[in-house]
Amino acid sequence: MYFYRCLADRLTAPASRRKVRLLFGPRQTGKTALLRHALPQAHHIDLGAASERRLFEADPARLSRELLALPREKREVVIDEIQKVPSLLDEVQSLYDRDPRRFEFFLTGSSARKLRADSANLLPGRAHVFRLGPVSLDESERESPGVLSALMPSAPASQIETTARRFPAQSLNRHLTFGSLPGVRRESQATARATLLAYVENYLEEEIRREAIVRDLGPFSAFVRLAALESGKPVNLTKLSQEAGIGLSTLRNYYDVLVDTFVGYRIPAYGHPGRKRLLTTPKFLFFDLGVRNAGVDGGLDPAFLTANGGDLLEQWVGMELATRALADTRAARVTFWRTVSGAEVDFVWETAREDVPIEVKWTENPRPEDARHLESFLDLYPRRARRGLIVCRAPRPQQLTERVQAIPWNQL
């Protein structure tokens, strides 16, 4: 059964019709399932299959010969895992330049780093780039649109949306323990735990080694667990280098690997000038909380949630915001705000209209004093920010101050 993904509308929108579409994202986020549903009649090439990959590695020009032999009405072409055979991008460009109307190309990839390392042709001026992450609240069943959805550009419901159901809602505890990967959401707890542990072992380690991105897997495996523990915090490379015994340049490269393979995000510091000195070191977040927890000893056990609920909720909100912003980079970006004196706002949702500071609290009973840092932010940036949000476990929204509202986590 196919479940609706918001990105399907943008991928097939008229604005991108004369462009090659590059769909990037981590493994198991549903890139292939999305394209198979949105483009059921497309000619599909799967470079993840060894037999298929070997054919095109030996003879990249085979792609042009195969596609030119298709009937004229067969226009849509999907190529999965394009980073496996980067030389095919030259063939795609040749076909596109010869006749931009002949084919509509949709290319998926799970490693921008591999493409750059091979000096791949990323089709400048010919491609639109899209990012797919885990399932967001906007793709899940809920009674009404979230608070932030009102700040996003609206679009009419598409045929894709009206013919697909949304993912069933899941509890907060399930979100905070097992995350939001499409397949994992449909599994039992025991199966989900095994799937996520295998993801860390087989993908984050074996796949990265197979792609020759990291040659010495031992230190990198230790780093993955360290990065999972540090997820959600500003990155202090010097401190981590001393604790892990990994050189600064190697550590910096390892973080780049996680970002380039879409396993993690860098959340930059808020950049608008103000009267206070701000910290500028970015935060690092894993792309999915279940994958992050699988990288921490005991992270998938119920006791871990009991001991770390507030930290996990803050990370989940950050991942949710990043997932939604990356799905439409024109509409929003996510930053954080922290002064050298200690005032902090967990996240800032930046849009063309306004910036919304967001604090995350584990409490079920928010109080007006919880809004003090949000109020400081609103006072400093009156032209950009007019309201703030506290995301918490309260059952219903509450107006804490004139400008700050507390909302339940599932109404974000």
Protein backbone atom coordinates (compact mmCIF):
# COMPACT_ATOMS: atom_id res chain seq x y z
CA MET A 1 0.00 0.00 0.00
CA TYR A 2 1.31 3.44 -0.94
CA PHE A 3 1.11 6.31 1.54
CA TYR A 4 1.08 9.94 0.46
CA ARG A 5 4.32 11.94 0.45
CA CYS A 6 4.12 15.73 0.16
CA LEU A 7 7.09 15.83 -2.21
CA ALA A 8 5.15 13.97 -4.91
CA ASP A 9 3.30 17.18 -5.81
CA ARG A 10 6.48 19.20 -6.28
CA LEU A 11 8.27 16.49 -8.23
CA THR A 12 5.53 16.35 -10.85
CA ALA A 13 4.64 20.06 -10.83
CA PRO A 14 4.66 21.99 -14.14
CA ALA A 15 7.44 24.25 -12.86
CA SER A 16 9.91 21.35 -13.14
CA ARG A 17 8.52 19.69 -16.25
CA ARG A 18 11.37 20.75 -18.54
CA LYS A 19 14.08 19.91 -16.01
CA VAL A 20 15.89 16.76 -14.94
CA ARG A 21 14.71 15.99 -11.40
CA LEU A 22 17.30 14.81 -8.88
CA LEU A 23 15.71 13.23 -5.81
CA PHE A 24 18.20 12.81 -2.95
CA GLY A 25 17.70 11.25 0.47
CA PRO A 26 18.89 8.52 2.84
CA ARG A 27 18.13 4.88 2.17
CA GLN A 28 14.72 3.60 3.28
CA THR A 29 12.96 6.96 3.07
CA GLY A 30 10.78 5.80 0.17
CA LYS A 31 12.28 7.47 -2.90
CA THR A 32 11.60 4.50 -5.19
CA ALA A 33 8.10 3.90 -3.81
CA LEU A 34 7.22 7.57 -4.33
CA LEU A 35 8.32 7.56 -7.97
CA ARG A 36 6.69 4.20 -8.74
CA HIS A 37 3.38 5.55 -7.48
CA ALA A 38 3.67 9.00 -9.03
CA LEU A 39 5.00 7.64 -12.37
CA PRO A 40 3.51 4.15 -12.82
CA GLN A 41 4.23 4.08 -16.58
CA ALA A 42 7.86 5.22 -16.36
CA HIS A 43 10.77 3.24 -17.74
CA HIS A 44 12.63 2.20 -14.59
CA ILE A 45 16.36 1.44 -14.26
CA ASP A 46 17.60 0.20 -10.87
CA LEU A 47 21.35 0.66 -10.43
CA GLY A 48 21.07 -0.86 -6.97
CA ALA A 49 20.73 -4.23 -8.71
CA ALA A 50 24.22 -5.61 -9.38
CA SER A 51 23.34 -7.11 -12.77
CA GLU A 52 21.87 -3.84 -14.02
CA ARG A 53 24.71 -1.79 -12.62
CA ARG A 54 27.41 -3.91 -14.28
CA LEU A 55 25.81 -3.47 -17.70
CA PHE A 56 25.95 0.32 -17.51
CA GLU A 57 29.36 0.46 -15.82
CA ALA A 58 30.81 -1.44 -18.76
CA ASP A 59 28.94 0.57 -21.40
CA PRO A 60 27.38 3.91 -20.28
CA ALA A 61 26.27 4.64 -23.88
CA ARG A 62 23.90 1.70 -23.53
CA LEU A 63 21.52 4.09 -21.73
CA SER A 64 21.07 6.28 -24.81
CA ARG A 65 20.59 3.29 -27.09
CA GLU A 66 17.96 1.74 -24.81
CA LEU A 67 16.00 4.93 -24.28
CA LEU A 68 16.01 5.99 -27.94
CA ALA A 69 14.52 2.59 -28.78
CA LEU A 70 11.47 3.26 -26.55
CA PRO A 71 8.14 4.27 -28.11
CA ARG A 72 7.69 8.04 -28.43
CA GLU A 73 4.89 8.00 -25.86
CA LYS A 74 7.29 6.52 -23.27
CA ARG A 75 8.71 9.78 -21.94
CA GLU A 76 9.26 9.30 -18.19
CA VAL A 77 12.54 7.66 -17.16
CA VAL A 78 13.48 6.80 -13.54
CA ILE A 79 17.07 5.89 -12.69
CA ASP A 80 17.57 4.70 -9.09
CA GLU A 81 20.85 5.19 -7.18
CA ILE A 82 22.53 7.30 -9.84
CA GLN A 83 25.68 7.63 -7.68
CA LYS A 84 26.40 3.96 -8.43
CA VAL A 85 27.23 4.83 -12.06
CA PRO A 86 27.94 8.59 -12.18
CA SER A 87 29.01 8.42 -15.83
CA LEU A 88 25.35 7.99 -16.78
CA LEU A 89 24.81 11.66 -15.96
CA ASP A 90 26.76 12.55 -19.11
CA GLU A 91 24.37 10.37 -21.13
CA VAL A 92 21.38 12.02 -19.47
CA GLN A 93 22.76 15.46 -20.35
CA SER A 94 23.38 14.43 -23.95
CA LEU A 95 19.82 13.16 -24.35
CA TYR A 96 18.41 16.24 -22.63
CA ASP A 97 20.43 18.68 -24.76
CA ARG A 98 19.48 16.86 -27.94
CA ASP A 99 15.75 17.21 -27.24
CA PRO A 100 14.55 18.51 -23.84
CA ARG A 101 10.98 17.41 -24.64
CA ARG A 102 11.76 13.80 -25.53
CA PHE A 103 12.30 12.45 -21.99
CA GLU A 104 11.45 13.45 -18.43
CA PHE A 105 14.26 12.19 -16.20
CA PHE A 106 13.84 11.40 -12.50
CA LEU A 107 17.11 10.38 -10.84
CA THR A 108 17.45 9.21 -7.24
CA GLY A 109 20.59 9.15 -5.11
CA SER A 110 21.65 8.46 -1.53
CA SER A 111 25.12 10.01 -1.65
CA ALA A 112 26.03 13.42 -2.99
CA ARG A 113 29.55 12.79 -1.73
CA LYS A 114 30.10 9.87 -4.09
CA LEU A 115 28.99 12.00 -7.02
CA ARG A 116 31.32 14.84 -6.07
CA ALA A 117 34.22 12.46 -5.39
CA ASP A 118 33.87 11.12 -8.93
CA SER A 119 33.60 14.66 -10.34
CA ALA A 120 30.17 13.71 -11.65
CA ASN A 121 28.24 15.97 -13.97
CA LEU A 122 25.41 17.32 -11.78
CA LEU A 123 23.64 18.85 -14.77
CA PRO A 124 24.05 22.55 -13.93
CA GLY A 125 21.17 24.61 -15.27
CA ARG A 126 19.30 21.50 -16.35
CA ALA A 127 18.23 19.98 -13.02
CA HIS A 128 15.97 20.71 -10.08
CA VAL A 129 17.05 19.10 -6.81
CA PHE A 130 14.63 17.63 -4.24
CA ARG A 131 15.18 16.06 -0.80
CA LEU A 132 13.09 13.30 0.76
CA GLY A 133 13.33 12.49 4.46
CA PRO A 134 11.36 10.45 6.99
CA VAL A 135 7.59 10.74 7.33
CA SER A 136 6.56 14.16 8.65
CA LEU A 137 3.46 15.13 10.64
CA ASP A 138 2.10 16.74 7.47
CA GLU A 139 2.09 13.28 5.87
CA SER A 140 0.35 11.65 8.83
CA GLU A 141 -3.31 11.48 9.77
CA ARG A 142 -4.38 14.32 12.04
CA GLU A 143 -7.54 16.31 12.62
CA SER A 144 -6.32 19.64 11.29
CA PRO A 145 -3.19 21.14 9.66
CA GLY A 146 -0.33 22.00 11.99
CA VAL A 147 0.43 25.51 13.19
CA LEU A 148 3.46 25.89 10.89
CA SER A 149 1.55 24.66 7.83
CA ALA A 150 -0.29 28.00 7.75
CA LEU A 151 3.04 29.75 7.09
CA MET A 152 3.89 27.57 4.08
CA PRO A 153 2.81 28.42 0.51
CA SER A 154 -0.52 26.73 -0.14
CA ALA A 155 -1.19 24.53 -3.15
CA PRO A 156 -4.35 22.81 -4.41
CA ALA A 157 -4.67 19.12 -3.64
CA SER A 158 -3.26 17.04 -6.47
CA GLN A 159 -4.53 13.80 -7.96
CA ILE A 160 -1.60 12.06 -6.27
CA GLU A 161 -2.74 13.28 -2.87
CA THR A 162 -6.39 12.41 -3.33
CA THR A 163 -5.63 8.83 -4.44
CA ALA A 164 -3.28 7.96 -1.55
CA ARG A 165 -3.91 7.65 2.16
CA ARG A 166 -1.77 9.31 4.80
CA PHE A 167 0.36 7.41 7.27
CA PRO A 168 -1.49 6.38 10.44
CA ALA A 169 -0.75 8.57 13.44
CA GLN A 170 1.59 7.13 16.06
CA SER A 171 2.18 7.91 19.71
CA LEU A 172 4.83 10.30 20.96
CA ASN A 173 6.68 7.44 22.69
CA ARG A 174 6.81 5.58 19.37
CA HIS A 175 8.16 8.68 17.60
CA LEU A 176 10.82 9.25 20.24
CA THR A 177 11.99 5.64 20.32
CA PHE A 178 11.64 4.29 16.78
CA GLY A 179 11.54 7.44 14.66
CA SER A 180 9.67 7.97 11.41
CA LEU A 181 11.13 5.88 8.57
CA PRO A 182 8.21 4.75 6.36
CA GLY A 183 8.85 1.01 6.68
CA VAL A 184 9.65 1.12 10.39
CA ARG A 185 6.36 2.88 11.14
CA ARG A 186 4.47 -0.22 9.98
CA GLU A 187 6.52 -2.75 11.95
CA SER A 188 6.04 -4.19 15.42
CA GLN A 189 8.35 -2.89 18.13
CA ALA A 190 10.52 -6.01 18.05
CA THR A 191 10.85 -5.90 14.27
CA ALA A 192 11.43 -2.14 14.25
CA ARG A 193 14.25 -2.53 16.77
CA ALA A 194 15.95 -5.17 14.62
CA THR A 195 15.47 -3.08 11.46
CA LEU A 196 17.03 0.03 12.99
CA LEU A 197 20.00 -1.85 14.44
CA ALA A 198 20.58 -3.43 11.03
CA TYR A 199 20.33 0.01 9.41
CA VAL A 200 23.20 1.30 11.54
CA GLU A 201 25.33 -1.81 11.07
CA ASN A 202 24.63 -2.50 7.40
CA TYR A 203 24.09 0.95 5.94
CA LEU A 204 25.99 3.44 8.05
CA GLU A 205 28.98 1.12 8.13
CA GLU A 206 28.97 -1.46 5.33
CA GLU A 207 27.38 0.73 2.65
CA ILE A 208 29.69 3.64 3.39
CA ARG A 209 32.68 1.31 3.21
CA ARG A 210 31.43 -0.28 -0.01
CA GLU A 211 31.18 3.13 -1.60
CA ALA A 212 34.82 3.69 -0.60
CA ILE A 213 33.82 6.89 1.19
CA VAL A 214 35.59 5.74 4.37
CA ARG A 215 38.31 3.12 4.09
CA ASP A 216 39.13 2.50 7.75
CA LEU A 217 35.82 1.41 9.21
CA GLY A 218 36.91 0.92 12.84
CA PRO A 219 37.34 4.59 13.81
CA PHE A 220 34.31 5.54 11.72
CA SER A 221 32.09 3.00 13.56
CA ALA A 222 33.20 4.50 16.87
CA PHE A 223 32.52 7.98 15.49
CA VAL A 224 28.94 7.06 14.46
CA ARG A 225 28.15 6.17 18.05
CA LEU A 226 29.81 9.33 19.30
CA ALA A 227 27.88 11.45 16.78
CA ALA A 228 24.65 9.78 17.93
CA LEU A 229 25.39 10.70 21.55
CA GLU A 230 26.21 14.29 20.53
CA SER A 231 23.20 14.68 18.21
CA GLY A 232 21.24 17.83 18.92
CA LYS A 233 24.18 19.76 20.36
CA PRO A 234 26.48 22.37 18.80
CA VAL A 235 29.50 20.53 17.41
CA ASN A 236 32.65 21.05 19.48
CA LEU A 237 35.28 19.34 17.32
CA THR A 238 38.17 20.04 19.66
CA LYS A 239 36.43 18.46 22.65
CA LEU A 240 35.23 15.46 20.64
CA SER A 241 38.68 14.94 19.15
CA GLN A 242 40.20 14.76 22.62
CA GLU A 243 37.52 12.40 23.94
CA ALA A 244 37.51 10.05 20.94
CA GLY A 245 41.18 10.13 20.06
CA ILE A 246 40.32 11.03 16.46
CA GLY A 247 42.20 13.80 14.69
CA LEU A 248 40.39 17.07 14.04
CA SER A 249 40.60 16.81 10.25
CA THR A 250 39.38 13.20 10.31
CA LEU A 251 36.53 14.11 12.64
CA ARG A 252 35.52 16.99 10.40
CA ASN A 253 35.58 14.65 7.40
CA TYR A 254 33.43 12.07 9.19
CA TYR A 255 30.75 14.67 9.92
CA ASP A 256 30.88 15.68 6.26
CA VAL A 257 30.30 12.03 5.32
CA LEU A 258 27.09 11.88 7.39
CA VAL A 259 25.83 15.13 5.88
CA ASP A 260 26.76 14.18 2.31
CA THR A 261 25.04 10.80 2.63
CA PHE A 262 21.96 12.61 4.04
CA VAL A 263 22.22 10.78 7.37
CA GLY A 264 22.56 14.04 9.26
CA TYR A 265 21.78 17.75 9.12
CA ARG A 266 23.75 20.76 10.17
CA ILE A 267 21.44 23.27 11.82
CA PRO A 268 23.10 26.70 11.42
CA ALA A 269 22.95 29.51 13.93
CA TYR A 270 20.40 32.26 13.35
CA GLY A 271 22.06 34.82 11.13
CA HIS A 272 20.15 38.07 11.46
CA PRO A 273 22.08 40.84 13.25
CA GLY A 274 21.03 41.92 16.70
CA ARG A 275 22.30 43.67 19.80
CA LYS A 276 23.60 40.50 21.47
CA ARG A 277 26.67 38.41 20.65
CA LEU A 278 25.62 35.04 19.29
CA LEU A 279 27.22 31.64 19.13
CA THR A 280 27.77 30.57 15.51
CA THR A 281 28.80 26.90 15.79
CA PRO A 282 26.14 24.76 14.03
CA LYS A 283 24.20 21.96 15.68
CA PHE A 284 24.28 18.47 14.20
CA LEU A 285 21.18 16.26 14.04
CA PHE A 286 20.69 12.76 12.72
CA PHE A 287 18.00 12.61 10.05
CA ASP A 288 15.81 10.18 12.01
CA LEU A 289 15.49 9.61 15.75
CA GLY A 290 15.13 5.83 15.45
CA VAL A 291 18.41 5.62 13.51
CA ARG A 292 20.06 7.91 16.04
CA ASN A 293 18.82 5.79 18.97
CA ALA A 294 20.07 2.63 17.30
CA GLY A 295 23.54 4.14 17.35
CA VAL A 296 23.45 4.61 21.14
CA ASP A 297 23.85 1.68 23.54
CA GLY A 298 20.38 0.93 24.90
CA GLY A 299 18.84 3.74 22.86
CA LEU A 300 15.91 1.58 21.70
CA ASP A 301 15.00 0.39 25.21
CA PRO A 302 12.03 1.93 27.10
CA ALA A 303 14.30 2.96 29.97
CA PHE A 304 16.27 5.22 27.62
CA LEU A 305 13.14 7.24 26.83
CA THR A 306 12.28 7.50 30.53
CA ALA A 307 15.71 8.92 31.32
CA ASN A 308 16.10 11.17 28.26
CA GLY A 309 12.57 12.25 27.30
CA GLY A 310 13.23 15.99 27.12
CA ASP A 311 16.36 15.65 25.03
CA LEU A 312 14.67 13.19 22.66
CA LEU A 313 11.64 15.45 22.22
CA GLU A 314 13.88 18.40 21.36
CA GLN A 315 15.77 16.34 18.78
CA TRP A 316 12.56 14.96 17.29
CA VAL A 317 11.17 18.48 16.85
CA GLY A 318 14.41 19.55 15.16
CA MET A 319 14.30 16.56 12.82
CA GLU A 320 10.63 17.19 12.03
CA LEU A 321 11.34 20.83 11.18
CA ALA A 322 14.38 19.95 9.06
CA THR A 323 12.48 17.24 7.18
CA ARG A 324 9.68 19.64 6.29
CA ALA A 325 12.01 22.50 5.37
CA LEU A 326 14.22 20.34 3.14
CA ALA A 327 11.16 19.04 1.31
CA ASP A 328 10.65 22.62 0.07
CA THR A 329 13.80 24.68 0.55
CA ARG A 330 12.12 27.73 -0.99
CA ALA A 331 9.55 27.90 1.77
CA ALA A 332 11.51 27.63 5.02
CA ARG A 333 14.81 26.97 6.72
CA VAL A 334 15.63 25.89 10.27
CA THR A 335 18.19 27.59 12.52
CA PHE A 336 18.79 27.99 16.26
CA TRP A 337 19.59 30.99 18.47
CA ARG A 338 21.99 31.12 21.38
CA THR A 339 23.78 34.08 22.94
CA VAL A 340 27.19 33.96 24.59
CA SER A 341 25.46 34.87 27.88
CA GLY A 342 23.33 31.71 27.78
CA ALA A 343 19.96 32.79 26.39
CA GLU A 344 18.78 30.16 23.93
CA VAL A 345 15.94 29.31 21.57
CA ASP A 346 15.99 25.69 20.43
CA PHE A 347 14.93 26.36 16.82
CA VAL A 348 13.86 29.19 14.56
CA TRP A 349 11.50 28.46 11.66
CA GLU A 350 12.50 31.06 9.06
CA THR A 351 10.12 31.89 6.20
CA ALA A 352 9.74 34.75 3.75
CA ARG A 353 6.90 36.14 5.85
CA GLU A 354 8.37 35.86 9.34
CA ASP A 355 10.66 33.97 11.69
CA VAL A 356 9.05 31.88 14.42
CA PRO A 357 11.18 31.03 17.47
CA ILE A 358 10.38 27.59 18.91
CA GLU A 359 11.21 26.19 22.33
CA VAL A 360 10.73 22.52 23.24
CA LYS A 361 9.64 21.54 26.74
CA TRP A 362 8.95 18.05 28.13
CA THR A 363 6.28 19.42 30.44
CA GLU A 364 2.54 18.73 30.27
CA ASN A 365 1.86 21.97 32.16
CA PRO A 366 3.64 24.91 30.50
CA ARG A 367 3.86 28.18 32.41
CA PRO A 368 4.32 31.81 31.27
CA GLU A 369 7.88 31.82 32.67
CA ASP A 370 8.76 29.10 30.12
CA ALA A 371 8.43 31.78 27.44
CA ARG A 372 11.14 34.13 28.73
CA HIS A 373 13.76 33.28 26.08
CA LEU A 374 11.17 33.44 23.34
CA GLU A 375 10.12 36.87 24.56
CA SER A 376 13.77 37.99 24.50
CA PHE A 377 14.06 36.84 20.91
CA LEU A 378 10.83 38.60 19.93
CA ASP A 379 12.05 41.82 21.56
CA LEU A 380 15.36 41.68 19.67
CA TYR A 381 13.87 41.00 16.22
CA PRO A 382 10.50 42.80 16.06
CA ARG A 383 10.65 43.21 12.28
CA ARG A 384 11.15 39.50 11.65
CA ALA A 385 9.40 37.80 14.58
CA ARG A 386 5.90 38.44 15.90
CA ARG A 387 5.02 35.21 17.74
CA GLY A 388 6.71 32.27 19.40
CA LEU A 389 5.81 28.64 20.07
CA ILE A 390 6.49 26.21 22.88
CA VAL A 391 6.13 22.60 21.74
CA CYS A 392 5.32 20.36 24.68
CA ARG A 393 3.16 17.47 25.91
CA ALA A 394 0.19 19.60 26.91
CA PRO A 395 -3.09 18.04 25.69
CA ARG A 396 -4.41 21.32 24.22
CA PRO A 397 -2.96 24.70 23.12
CA GLN A 398 -2.49 27.42 25.74
CA GLN A 399 -1.81 31.14 25.31
CA LEU A 400 1.04 31.73 27.76
CA THR A 401 1.73 35.38 26.94
CA GLU A 402 0.39 37.84 24.41
CA ARG A 403 2.94 36.63 21.85
CA VAL A 404 3.75 33.04 22.89
CA GLN A 405 1.53 29.99 22.56
CA ALA A 406 2.17 26.48 23.87
CA ILE A 407 1.00 23.71 21.52
CA PRO A 408 0.83 19.91 21.76
CA TRP A 409 3.68 18.18 19.92
CA ASN A 410 1.33 16.74 17.28
CA GLN A 411 -0.02 20.18 16.33
CA LEU A 412 3.34 21.53 15.18
